N, C-alpha and C. Protein backbone atom coordinates (compact mmCIF):
# COMPACT_ATOMS: atom_id res chain seq x y z
N MET A 1 -37.66 -47.49 -42.17
CA MET A 1 -37.31 -48.82 -41.74
C MET A 1 -38.39 -49.30 -40.78
N SER A 2 -38.78 -50.53 -40.94
CA SER A 2 -39.85 -51.04 -40.09
C SER A 2 -39.40 -51.16 -38.64
N LYS A 3 -40.36 -51.09 -37.76
CA LYS A 3 -40.12 -51.25 -36.33
C LYS A 3 -39.39 -52.56 -36.06
N ARG A 4 -39.82 -53.61 -36.71
CA ARG A 4 -39.23 -54.94 -36.51
C ARG A 4 -37.75 -54.97 -36.92
N ASP A 5 -37.43 -54.37 -38.08
CA ASP A 5 -36.03 -54.33 -38.53
C ASP A 5 -35.16 -53.51 -37.59
N LEU A 6 -35.70 -52.40 -37.10
CA LEU A 6 -34.95 -51.57 -36.16
C LEU A 6 -34.70 -52.32 -34.85
N GLU A 7 -35.71 -53.01 -34.36
CA GLU A 7 -35.53 -53.82 -33.14
C GLU A 7 -34.43 -54.86 -33.33
N GLY A 8 -34.41 -55.49 -34.51
CA GLY A 8 -33.36 -56.46 -34.80
C GLY A 8 -31.98 -55.83 -34.82
N GLY A 9 -31.87 -54.64 -35.40
CA GLY A 9 -30.59 -53.94 -35.45
C GLY A 9 -30.09 -53.55 -34.07
N VAL A 10 -30.98 -53.05 -33.23
CA VAL A 10 -30.59 -52.70 -31.86
C VAL A 10 -30.17 -53.95 -31.11
N GLY A 11 -30.88 -55.04 -31.31
CA GLY A 11 -30.51 -56.31 -30.67
C GLY A 11 -29.12 -56.77 -31.10
N ARG A 12 -28.79 -56.59 -32.38
CA ARG A 12 -27.45 -56.97 -32.86
C ARG A 12 -26.36 -56.12 -32.21
N VAL A 13 -26.64 -54.84 -31.99
CA VAL A 13 -25.67 -53.98 -31.29
C VAL A 13 -25.43 -54.53 -29.88
N LEU A 14 -26.49 -54.85 -29.18
CA LEU A 14 -26.35 -55.37 -27.82
C LEU A 14 -25.58 -56.69 -27.81
N THR A 15 -25.84 -57.54 -28.78
CA THR A 15 -25.13 -58.82 -28.88
C THR A 15 -23.65 -58.59 -29.12
N ARG A 16 -23.31 -57.65 -30.00
CA ARG A 16 -21.89 -57.32 -30.25
C ARG A 16 -21.20 -56.83 -28.98
N TRP A 17 -21.95 -56.14 -28.14
CA TRP A 17 -21.40 -55.63 -26.87
C TRP A 17 -21.39 -56.71 -25.80
N ASP A 18 -21.88 -57.90 -26.13
CA ASP A 18 -21.96 -59.00 -25.17
C ASP A 18 -22.86 -58.66 -23.99
N VAL A 19 -23.98 -57.99 -24.29
CA VAL A 19 -24.96 -57.60 -23.27
C VAL A 19 -26.08 -58.63 -23.27
N ASN A 20 -26.41 -59.12 -22.09
CA ASN A 20 -27.53 -60.06 -21.95
C ASN A 20 -28.83 -59.27 -21.84
N TYR A 21 -29.75 -59.54 -22.74
CA TYR A 21 -31.04 -58.84 -22.72
C TYR A 21 -32.15 -59.82 -23.06
N LYS A 22 -33.36 -59.47 -22.64
CA LYS A 22 -34.52 -60.32 -22.92
C LYS A 22 -35.16 -59.95 -24.26
N SER A 23 -35.34 -58.65 -24.47
CA SER A 23 -36.02 -58.21 -25.69
C SER A 23 -35.71 -56.75 -25.96
N VAL A 24 -36.03 -56.35 -27.19
CA VAL A 24 -35.93 -54.95 -27.60
C VAL A 24 -37.27 -54.57 -28.21
N LYS A 25 -37.81 -53.46 -27.78
CA LYS A 25 -39.07 -52.95 -28.33
C LYS A 25 -38.89 -51.50 -28.72
N CYS A 26 -39.25 -51.17 -29.95
CA CYS A 26 -39.18 -49.79 -30.42
C CYS A 26 -40.59 -49.22 -30.47
N ASP A 27 -40.67 -47.89 -30.36
CA ASP A 27 -41.97 -47.23 -30.32
C ASP A 27 -42.65 -47.16 -31.68
N GLY A 28 -41.90 -47.39 -32.76
CA GLY A 28 -42.47 -47.34 -34.11
C GLY A 28 -41.39 -47.50 -35.15
N ASP A 29 -41.75 -47.22 -36.40
CA ASP A 29 -40.80 -47.31 -37.51
C ASP A 29 -39.78 -46.17 -37.43
N LEU A 30 -38.61 -46.38 -38.04
CA LEU A 30 -37.60 -45.33 -38.16
C LEU A 30 -37.81 -44.64 -39.50
N PRO A 31 -38.18 -43.35 -39.50
CA PRO A 31 -38.43 -42.65 -40.76
C PRO A 31 -37.19 -42.60 -41.65
N ALA A 32 -37.41 -42.72 -42.95
CA ALA A 32 -36.31 -42.69 -43.93
C ALA A 32 -36.01 -41.25 -44.31
N LYS A 33 -35.68 -40.44 -43.29
CA LYS A 33 -35.32 -39.04 -43.49
C LYS A 33 -34.19 -38.71 -42.52
N VAL A 34 -33.10 -38.17 -43.04
CA VAL A 34 -31.92 -37.88 -42.23
C VAL A 34 -32.30 -37.02 -41.02
N GLY A 35 -31.80 -37.44 -39.86
CA GLY A 35 -32.04 -36.71 -38.61
C GLY A 35 -33.24 -37.19 -37.83
N LYS A 36 -34.09 -37.99 -38.45
CA LYS A 36 -35.27 -38.50 -37.74
C LYS A 36 -34.85 -39.57 -36.75
N GLU A 37 -35.61 -39.69 -35.66
CA GLU A 37 -35.26 -40.60 -34.58
C GLU A 37 -36.42 -41.51 -34.23
N GLN A 38 -36.08 -42.63 -33.60
CA GLN A 38 -37.07 -43.53 -33.02
C GLN A 38 -36.50 -44.09 -31.72
N THR A 39 -37.30 -44.05 -30.68
CA THR A 39 -36.88 -44.56 -29.37
C THR A 39 -37.14 -46.05 -29.28
N CYS A 40 -36.16 -46.76 -28.73
CA CYS A 40 -36.27 -48.19 -28.47
C CYS A 40 -35.89 -48.45 -27.01
N TRP A 41 -36.39 -49.54 -26.49
CA TRP A 41 -36.10 -49.94 -25.12
C TRP A 41 -35.55 -51.35 -25.12
N ALA A 42 -34.41 -51.52 -24.49
CA ALA A 42 -33.82 -52.85 -24.32
C ALA A 42 -34.16 -53.30 -22.91
N TYR A 43 -34.83 -54.42 -22.80
CA TYR A 43 -35.21 -54.98 -21.51
C TYR A 43 -34.18 -56.02 -21.12
N MET A 44 -33.52 -55.77 -19.99
CA MET A 44 -32.39 -56.58 -19.56
C MET A 44 -32.82 -57.78 -18.72
N ASP A 45 -31.93 -58.76 -18.65
CA ASP A 45 -32.20 -59.97 -17.87
C ASP A 45 -32.42 -59.68 -16.40
N ASP A 46 -31.81 -58.60 -15.88
CA ASP A 46 -31.94 -58.28 -14.46
C ASP A 46 -33.19 -57.46 -14.13
N GLY A 47 -34.04 -57.22 -15.13
CA GLY A 47 -35.28 -56.49 -14.91
C GLY A 47 -35.18 -55.00 -15.22
N SER A 48 -33.98 -54.50 -15.45
CA SER A 48 -33.81 -53.08 -15.79
C SER A 48 -34.07 -52.88 -17.28
N ASN A 49 -34.13 -51.61 -17.68
CA ASN A 49 -34.27 -51.34 -19.11
C ASN A 49 -33.34 -50.21 -19.50
N LEU A 50 -33.02 -50.15 -20.78
CA LEU A 50 -32.07 -49.18 -21.31
C LEU A 50 -32.71 -48.49 -22.50
N LYS A 51 -32.75 -47.16 -22.45
CA LYS A 51 -33.30 -46.39 -23.56
C LYS A 51 -32.22 -46.25 -24.63
N MET A 52 -32.59 -46.59 -25.85
CA MET A 52 -31.69 -46.47 -27.00
C MET A 52 -32.47 -45.76 -28.10
N VAL A 53 -31.77 -44.99 -28.91
CA VAL A 53 -32.43 -44.21 -29.96
C VAL A 53 -31.77 -44.51 -31.30
N GLY A 54 -32.58 -44.86 -32.29
CA GLY A 54 -32.10 -45.01 -33.65
C GLY A 54 -32.23 -43.67 -34.35
N VAL A 55 -31.16 -43.22 -35.02
CA VAL A 55 -31.14 -41.93 -35.71
C VAL A 55 -30.73 -42.16 -37.17
N THR A 56 -31.59 -41.80 -38.10
CA THR A 56 -31.28 -41.94 -39.52
C THR A 56 -30.15 -40.99 -39.90
N THR A 57 -29.09 -41.54 -40.51
CA THR A 57 -27.94 -40.72 -40.90
C THR A 57 -27.80 -40.56 -42.41
N LYS A 58 -28.35 -41.51 -43.19
CA LYS A 58 -28.25 -41.42 -44.65
C LYS A 58 -29.33 -42.28 -45.28
N VAL A 59 -29.91 -41.78 -46.34
CA VAL A 59 -30.91 -42.53 -47.11
C VAL A 59 -30.52 -42.47 -48.57
N ASP A 60 -30.39 -43.64 -49.20
CA ASP A 60 -30.06 -43.72 -50.62
C ASP A 60 -30.97 -44.79 -51.22
N GLY A 61 -32.12 -44.38 -51.72
CA GLY A 61 -33.10 -45.34 -52.20
C GLY A 61 -33.62 -46.17 -51.05
N ASP A 62 -33.45 -47.50 -51.16
CA ASP A 62 -33.90 -48.40 -50.09
C ASP A 62 -32.83 -48.63 -49.03
N ASP A 63 -31.65 -48.04 -49.21
CA ASP A 63 -30.56 -48.21 -48.25
C ASP A 63 -30.68 -47.14 -47.17
N ILE A 64 -30.91 -47.58 -45.94
CA ILE A 64 -31.05 -46.67 -44.81
C ILE A 64 -29.90 -46.93 -43.85
N ARG A 65 -29.14 -45.88 -43.55
CA ARG A 65 -28.05 -45.98 -42.58
C ARG A 65 -28.49 -45.24 -41.33
N TYR A 66 -28.13 -45.80 -40.19
CA TYR A 66 -28.54 -45.17 -38.93
C TYR A 66 -27.53 -45.46 -37.84
N ASP A 67 -27.54 -44.60 -36.85
CA ASP A 67 -26.74 -44.79 -35.65
C ASP A 67 -27.68 -45.23 -34.54
N VAL A 68 -27.14 -45.95 -33.60
CA VAL A 68 -27.87 -46.29 -32.38
C VAL A 68 -27.19 -45.53 -31.26
N GLU A 69 -27.95 -44.72 -30.54
CA GLU A 69 -27.41 -43.92 -29.46
C GLU A 69 -27.94 -44.40 -28.11
N VAL A 70 -27.08 -44.28 -27.12
CA VAL A 70 -27.45 -44.56 -25.73
C VAL A 70 -27.12 -43.31 -24.95
N ASP A 71 -28.10 -42.74 -24.25
CA ASP A 71 -27.88 -41.51 -23.49
C ASP A 71 -27.25 -40.42 -24.34
N GLY A 72 -27.67 -40.33 -25.61
CA GLY A 72 -27.24 -39.25 -26.48
C GLY A 72 -25.87 -39.42 -27.12
N LYS A 73 -25.20 -40.54 -26.92
CA LYS A 73 -23.88 -40.75 -27.51
C LYS A 73 -23.98 -41.83 -28.58
N ALA A 74 -23.30 -41.62 -29.70
CA ALA A 74 -23.33 -42.62 -30.78
C ALA A 74 -22.72 -43.91 -30.26
N ALA A 75 -23.48 -44.97 -30.36
CA ALA A 75 -23.05 -46.26 -29.83
C ALA A 75 -22.51 -47.17 -30.91
N GLN A 76 -23.16 -47.20 -32.04
CA GLN A 76 -22.76 -48.14 -33.09
C GLN A 76 -23.37 -47.67 -34.40
N ARG A 77 -22.55 -47.56 -35.42
CA ARG A 77 -23.08 -47.22 -36.74
C ARG A 77 -23.59 -48.51 -37.40
N LEU A 78 -24.76 -48.39 -37.94
CA LEU A 78 -25.39 -49.55 -38.57
C LEU A 78 -25.94 -49.14 -39.92
N HIS A 79 -26.20 -50.10 -40.74
CA HIS A 79 -26.99 -49.85 -41.93
C HIS A 79 -27.77 -51.10 -42.27
N ARG A 80 -28.84 -50.87 -42.95
CA ARG A 80 -29.66 -51.97 -43.42
C ARG A 80 -30.08 -51.65 -44.84
N THR A 81 -29.95 -52.59 -45.72
CA THR A 81 -30.41 -52.43 -47.09
C THR A 81 -31.69 -53.23 -47.23
N ALA A 82 -32.74 -52.55 -47.64
CA ALA A 82 -34.03 -53.22 -47.81
C ALA A 82 -33.93 -54.21 -48.96
N PRO A 83 -34.64 -55.34 -48.85
CA PRO A 83 -34.64 -56.33 -49.93
C PRO A 83 -35.20 -55.73 -51.22
N ALA A 84 -34.66 -56.17 -52.33
CA ALA A 84 -35.11 -55.64 -53.63
C ALA A 84 -36.47 -56.18 -53.98
């Protein structure tokens, strides 16, 4: 999954939680291999930041499912299906 798509997914999690944030930046793409991780940072309106990790949980062709974790705990199950 591209870095940009992962950043969007993490941002959607924060929005669902009603968290005010300025931006989300991930360190790179999320590999399409179960168990692989990518670190992302959510930059908050108050100047603080929050480390979040995307973890691939299932890959079926172009369909990548992943969890977003905060401090090692599963925060929100997500999935993204790549465009055909």
